[in-house]
């Protein structure tokens, strides 16, 4: 059986991700950091120097869209107005161009606000033409003749070395679901599968939904790092699966 794999993705590019990346270094792990270029250098967010430092230490800096636009689906979001599909696509492309120019992986996209922010399979097809690799959130990948994706369904594991352009997450760090990451990794090791995990803020004072306190982050990373040391798990980034950019 293949060794299980894990991909550690971090959304939004908040400043605490610099500390998260340094903690990963202590264990020899690599992180995938999805950045909102419009916010780089703003209060509470990573700086250009932080991103270059993280890249130099072997972490993978990719695209979370230029301005984190929302399409209006789901609960109202204070201070945000909805945007049509053309704006969502343009925002993702703007993020790509900005990050590629800076020497990062703009062609690798983690769309903001989850799968529901993609307004149907036609828009998803457009994104798939523009990007080398896309990490969704919830949803079920289905055959191409049926439209590739439905925005409902559970999180899931993927085959070892999954080389597909479109994937979803297997689990999210969330204070409402303690033990979810470790349980997911145990399932992955039993099946020799790939688990894609997602983190948001990792330094909340007490923890709030997917914004977790630092001690919980440390515990989760320590657990998976021991699995790596035991030879049960391998930590990967997107180019380990789909190859280097062309």
Protein backbone atom coordinates (compact mmCIF):
# COMPACT_ATOMS: atom_id res chain seq x y z
CA UNK A 1 0.00 0.00 0.00
CA UNK A 2 1.15 3.55 -0.72
CA UNK A 3 2.23 5.79 2.14
CA UNK A 4 -0.47 8.29 3.09
CA UNK A 5 0.00 11.93 2.14
CA UNK A 6 -1.10 15.21 3.70
CA UNK A 7 -1.27 18.71 2.25
CA UNK A 8 -1.45 21.57 4.75
CA UNK A 9 -3.22 24.58 3.23
CA UNK A 10 -3.61 27.99 4.92
CA UNK A 11 -6.13 30.54 3.65
CA UNK A 12 -6.01 34.36 3.65
CA UNK A 13 -2.34 35.17 4.35
CA UNK A 14 -2.81 36.53 7.87
CA UNK A 15 0.37 37.50 9.72
CA UNK A 16 0.14 34.57 12.13
CA UNK A 17 0.88 32.30 9.17
CA UNK A 18 4.50 33.43 9.37
CA UNK A 19 4.72 31.85 12.82
CA UNK A 20 2.81 28.84 11.52
CA UNK A 21 5.37 28.36 8.74
CA UNK A 22 8.24 28.58 11.23
CA UNK A 23 6.57 25.99 13.43
CA UNK A 24 6.24 23.69 10.41
CA UNK A 25 9.97 24.16 9.78
CA UNK A 26 10.72 22.65 13.19
CA UNK A 27 9.15 19.41 12.01
CA UNK A 28 10.40 19.49 8.42
CA UNK A 29 6.88 20.06 7.08
CA UNK A 30 5.82 22.21 4.10
CA UNK A 31 2.79 24.50 4.02
CA UNK A 32 0.65 25.80 1.16
CA UNK A 33 -0.21 29.44 1.86
CA UNK A 34 -3.06 30.95 -0.20
CA UNK A 35 -2.56 34.72 -0.33
CA UNK A 36 -4.89 37.66 -1.03
CA UNK A 37 -2.44 40.05 -2.80
CA UNK A 38 -4.60 43.13 -2.13
CA UNK A 39 -4.07 42.61 1.60
CA UNK A 40 -0.31 41.91 1.54
CA UNK A 41 1.43 44.45 3.75
CA UNK A 42 -1.80 45.56 5.46
CA UNK A 43 -2.15 45.45 9.22
CA UNK A 44 -2.58 41.85 10.32
CA UNK A 45 -1.41 40.34 7.03
CA UNK A 46 1.85 38.96 5.68
CA UNK A 47 4.30 41.41 4.11
CA UNK A 48 6.19 40.99 0.80
CA UNK A 49 9.28 40.18 2.85
CA UNK A 50 7.42 37.53 4.82
CA UNK A 51 6.31 35.84 1.60
CA UNK A 52 9.82 35.81 0.17
CA UNK A 53 11.15 34.42 3.45
CA UNK A 54 8.52 31.66 3.47
CA UNK A 55 9.31 30.77 -0.14
CA UNK A 56 13.04 30.61 0.65
CA UNK A 57 12.29 28.16 3.47
CA UNK A 58 10.50 25.82 1.07
CA UNK A 59 6.86 26.77 1.60
CA UNK A 60 4.39 27.10 -1.29
CA UNK A 61 2.83 30.54 -1.80
CA UNK A 62 -0.25 30.48 -4.04
CA UNK A 63 -3.43 32.34 -5.00
CA UNK A 64 -6.55 33.09 -2.93
CA UNK A 65 -7.74 35.69 -5.49
CA UNK A 66 -6.63 39.32 -5.61
CA UNK A 67 -9.34 40.85 -3.44
CA UNK A 68 -11.33 37.93 -1.94
CA UNK A 69 -14.56 38.86 -3.74
CA UNK A 70 -17.89 37.28 -2.76
CA UNK A 71 -20.67 36.26 -5.15
CA UNK A 72 -23.54 36.87 -2.74
CA UNK A 73 -24.49 33.26 -1.99
CA UNK A 74 -25.02 32.20 1.59
CA UNK A 75 -25.55 34.35 4.68
CA UNK A 76 -25.12 38.14 4.31
CA UNK A 77 -21.61 39.39 5.02
CA UNK A 78 -21.32 42.78 6.69
CA UNK A 79 -19.49 45.33 4.57
CA UNK A 80 -19.36 43.16 1.44
CA UNK A 81 -21.37 43.52 -1.73
CA UNK A 82 -22.03 40.63 -4.11
CA UNK A 83 -20.12 40.34 -7.38
CA UNK A 84 -21.13 38.63 -10.64
CA UNK A 85 -19.23 35.61 -12.02
CA UNK A 86 -17.19 37.78 -14.40
CA UNK A 87 -15.81 39.77 -11.45
CA UNK A 88 -15.00 36.61 -9.49
CA UNK A 89 -13.07 35.20 -12.45
CA UNK A 90 -11.26 38.49 -13.08
CA UNK A 91 -10.30 38.71 -9.40
CA UNK A 92 -8.78 35.22 -9.49
CA UNK A 93 -6.84 36.10 -12.66
CA UNK A 94 -5.61 39.36 -11.12
CA UNK A 95 -4.31 37.40 -8.14
CA UNK A 96 -2.54 35.04 -10.51
CA UNK A 97 -0.81 37.82 -12.41
CA UNK A 98 0.27 39.65 -9.26
CA UNK A 99 1.70 36.55 -7.62
CA UNK A 100 3.38 35.21 -10.76
CA UNK A 101 5.08 38.58 -11.28
CA UNK A 102 6.42 38.36 -7.73
CA UNK A 103 7.78 34.84 -8.34
CA UNK A 104 5.11 32.81 -6.56
CA UNK A 105 2.53 30.22 -7.70
CA UNK A 106 -0.36 32.32 -8.96
CA UNK A 107 -1.52 29.53 -11.30
CA UNK A 108 -2.50 27.44 -8.26
CA UNK A 109 -5.83 28.71 -6.88
CA UNK A 110 -7.71 28.20 -3.62
CA UNK A 111 -10.97 30.10 -4.34
CA UNK A 112 -12.26 32.25 -1.45
CA UNK A 113 -15.52 31.68 0.42
CA UNK A 114 -15.65 28.02 -0.53
CA UNK A 115 -17.25 26.03 -3.29
CA UNK A 116 -20.49 28.03 -3.20
CA UNK A 117 -18.55 31.11 -4.37
CA UNK A 118 -18.25 29.38 -7.76
CA UNK A 119 -21.60 30.09 -9.39
CA UNK A 120 -22.08 26.85 -11.28
CA UNK A 121 -20.22 24.49 -13.55
CA UNK A 122 -19.87 26.99 -16.40
CA UNK A 123 -17.87 29.30 -14.16
CA UNK A 124 -15.87 26.36 -12.84
CA UNK A 125 -15.00 25.35 -16.41
CA UNK A 126 -13.67 28.87 -17.01
CA UNK A 127 -11.52 28.66 -13.89
CA UNK A 128 -10.20 25.25 -14.94
CA UNK A 129 -9.08 26.74 -18.26
CA UNK A 130 -7.20 29.51 -16.48
CA UNK A 131 -5.50 27.64 -13.62
CA UNK A 132 -3.20 24.64 -13.32
CA UNK A 133 -4.68 23.41 -10.04
CA UNK A 134 -7.72 24.39 -7.97
CA UNK A 135 -8.45 23.47 -4.37
CA UNK A 136 -12.15 23.74 -3.58
CA UNK A 137 -13.75 23.24 -0.16
CA UNK A 138 -16.87 21.14 0.35
CA UNK A 139 -18.37 19.36 -2.59
CA UNK A 140 -18.22 16.13 -4.50
CA UNK A 141 -16.08 15.66 -7.63
CA UNK A 142 -18.15 13.85 -10.27
CA UNK A 143 -17.53 12.70 -13.85
CA UNK A 144 -16.85 15.36 -16.48
CA UNK A 145 -19.96 14.45 -18.46
CA UNK A 146 -22.02 15.31 -15.37
CA UNK A 147 -20.41 18.70 -14.83
CA UNK A 148 -17.37 17.91 -12.64
CA UNK A 149 -18.65 19.24 -9.32
CA UNK A 150 -21.67 19.70 -7.10
CA UNK A 151 -21.47 22.23 -4.25
CA UNK A 152 -22.79 19.84 -1.62
CA UNK A 153 -21.54 16.68 0.01
CA UNK A 154 -18.87 15.77 2.51
CA UNK A 155 -15.18 16.36 2.63
CA UNK A 156 -13.16 13.44 1.33
CA UNK A 157 -9.81 11.74 0.88
CA UNK A 158 -8.07 11.53 -2.50
CA UNK A 159 -5.89 8.85 -4.12
CA UNK A 160 -2.19 8.84 -3.33
CA UNK A 161 -0.38 11.18 -5.72
CA UNK A 162 -3.66 12.62 -7.01
CA UNK A 163 -2.76 14.50 -10.19
CA UNK A 164 -6.15 15.98 -10.97
CA UNK A 165 -6.60 19.68 -11.59
CA UNK A 166 -9.59 19.90 -9.24
CA UNK A 167 -9.62 18.72 -5.62
CA UNK A 168 -11.47 19.49 -2.40
CA UNK A 169 -10.45 19.42 1.24
CA UNK A 170 -10.57 16.38 3.49
CA UNK A 171 -10.92 18.29 6.77
CA UNK A 172 -10.70 21.78 8.27
CA UNK A 173 -9.19 22.84 11.57
CA UNK A 174 -12.23 23.90 13.61
CA UNK A 175 -12.75 24.29 17.35
CA UNK A 176 -16.28 22.88 16.92
CA UNK A 177 -14.87 19.55 15.76
CA UNK A 178 -11.91 18.62 17.97
CA UNK A 179 -9.98 15.61 16.78
CA UNK A 180 -11.23 15.92 13.21
CA UNK A 181 -7.78 16.38 11.67
CA UNK A 182 -6.18 13.48 13.53
CA UNK A 183 -9.12 11.22 12.67
CA UNK A 184 -8.82 12.21 9.01
CA UNK A 185 -5.11 11.42 8.98
CA UNK A 186 -5.67 8.05 10.61
CA UNK A 187 -8.21 7.26 7.86
CA UNK A 188 -5.69 8.37 5.24
CA UNK A 189 -2.98 6.09 6.62
CA UNK A 190 -5.32 3.12 6.64
CA UNK A 191 -6.09 3.70 2.96
CA UNK A 192 -2.76 5.03 1.67
CA UNK A 193 -4.67 8.16 0.61
CA UNK A 194 -4.11 11.92 0.30
CA UNK A 195 -5.72 14.21 2.89
CA UNK A 196 -5.93 17.93 2.09
CA UNK A 197 -6.37 20.01 5.24
CA UNK A 198 -7.20 23.70 5.61
CA UNK A 199 -6.34 26.20 8.33
CA UNK A 200 -7.41 29.83 8.73
CA UNK A 201 -6.14 31.92 11.64
CA UNK A 202 -4.12 29.81 14.08
CA UNK A 203 -3.75 32.32 16.94
CA UNK A 204 -7.27 33.20 18.07
CA UNK A 205 -7.39 33.91 21.81
CA UNK A 206 -9.93 31.19 22.63
CA UNK A 207 -10.96 29.78 19.25
CA UNK A 208 -13.95 30.62 17.09
CA UNK A 209 -15.15 28.16 14.41
CA UNK A 210 -12.23 27.81 11.93
CA UNK A 211 -10.06 30.36 13.73
CA UNK A 212 -8.20 28.23 16.25
CA UNK A 213 -5.93 29.00 19.21
CA UNK A 214 -2.19 28.47 18.88
CA UNK A 215 -2.05 25.58 21.34
CA UNK A 216 -4.55 23.60 19.23
CA UNK A 217 -2.52 24.28 16.09
CA UNK A 218 0.65 23.07 17.82
CA UNK A 219 -1.11 19.91 19.01
CA UNK A 220 -2.43 19.12 15.52
CA UNK A 221 0.96 19.66 13.86
CA UNK A 222 2.75 17.61 16.51
CA UNK A 223 0.35 14.72 15.93
CA UNK A 224 0.89 14.64 12.18
CA UNK A 225 4.63 15.25 12.51
CA UNK A 226 4.94 12.12 14.62
CA UNK A 227 3.13 10.21 11.88
CA UNK A 228 5.67 11.55 9.38
CA UNK A 229 8.58 10.54 11.63
CA UNK A 230 7.09 7.07 11.97
CA UNK A 231 7.05 6.71 8.18
CA UNK A 232 3.24 6.57 7.99
CA UNK A 233 2.72 9.93 6.29
CA UNK A 234 4.34 12.21 3.71
CA UNK A 235 3.78 15.99 3.56
CA UNK A 236 3.29 17.30 0.00
CA UNK A 237 2.59 20.54 -1.91
CA UNK A 238 0.68 20.86 -5.22
CA UNK A 239 3.74 20.60 -7.46
CA UNK A 240 4.59 17.27 -5.85
CA UNK A 241 1.31 16.04 -7.36
CA UNK A 242 0.98 17.83 -10.70
CA UNK A 243 4.60 18.72 -11.46
CA UNK A 244 6.48 21.99 -11.73
CA UNK A 245 4.97 24.95 -13.53
CA UNK A 246 5.56 25.18 -17.27
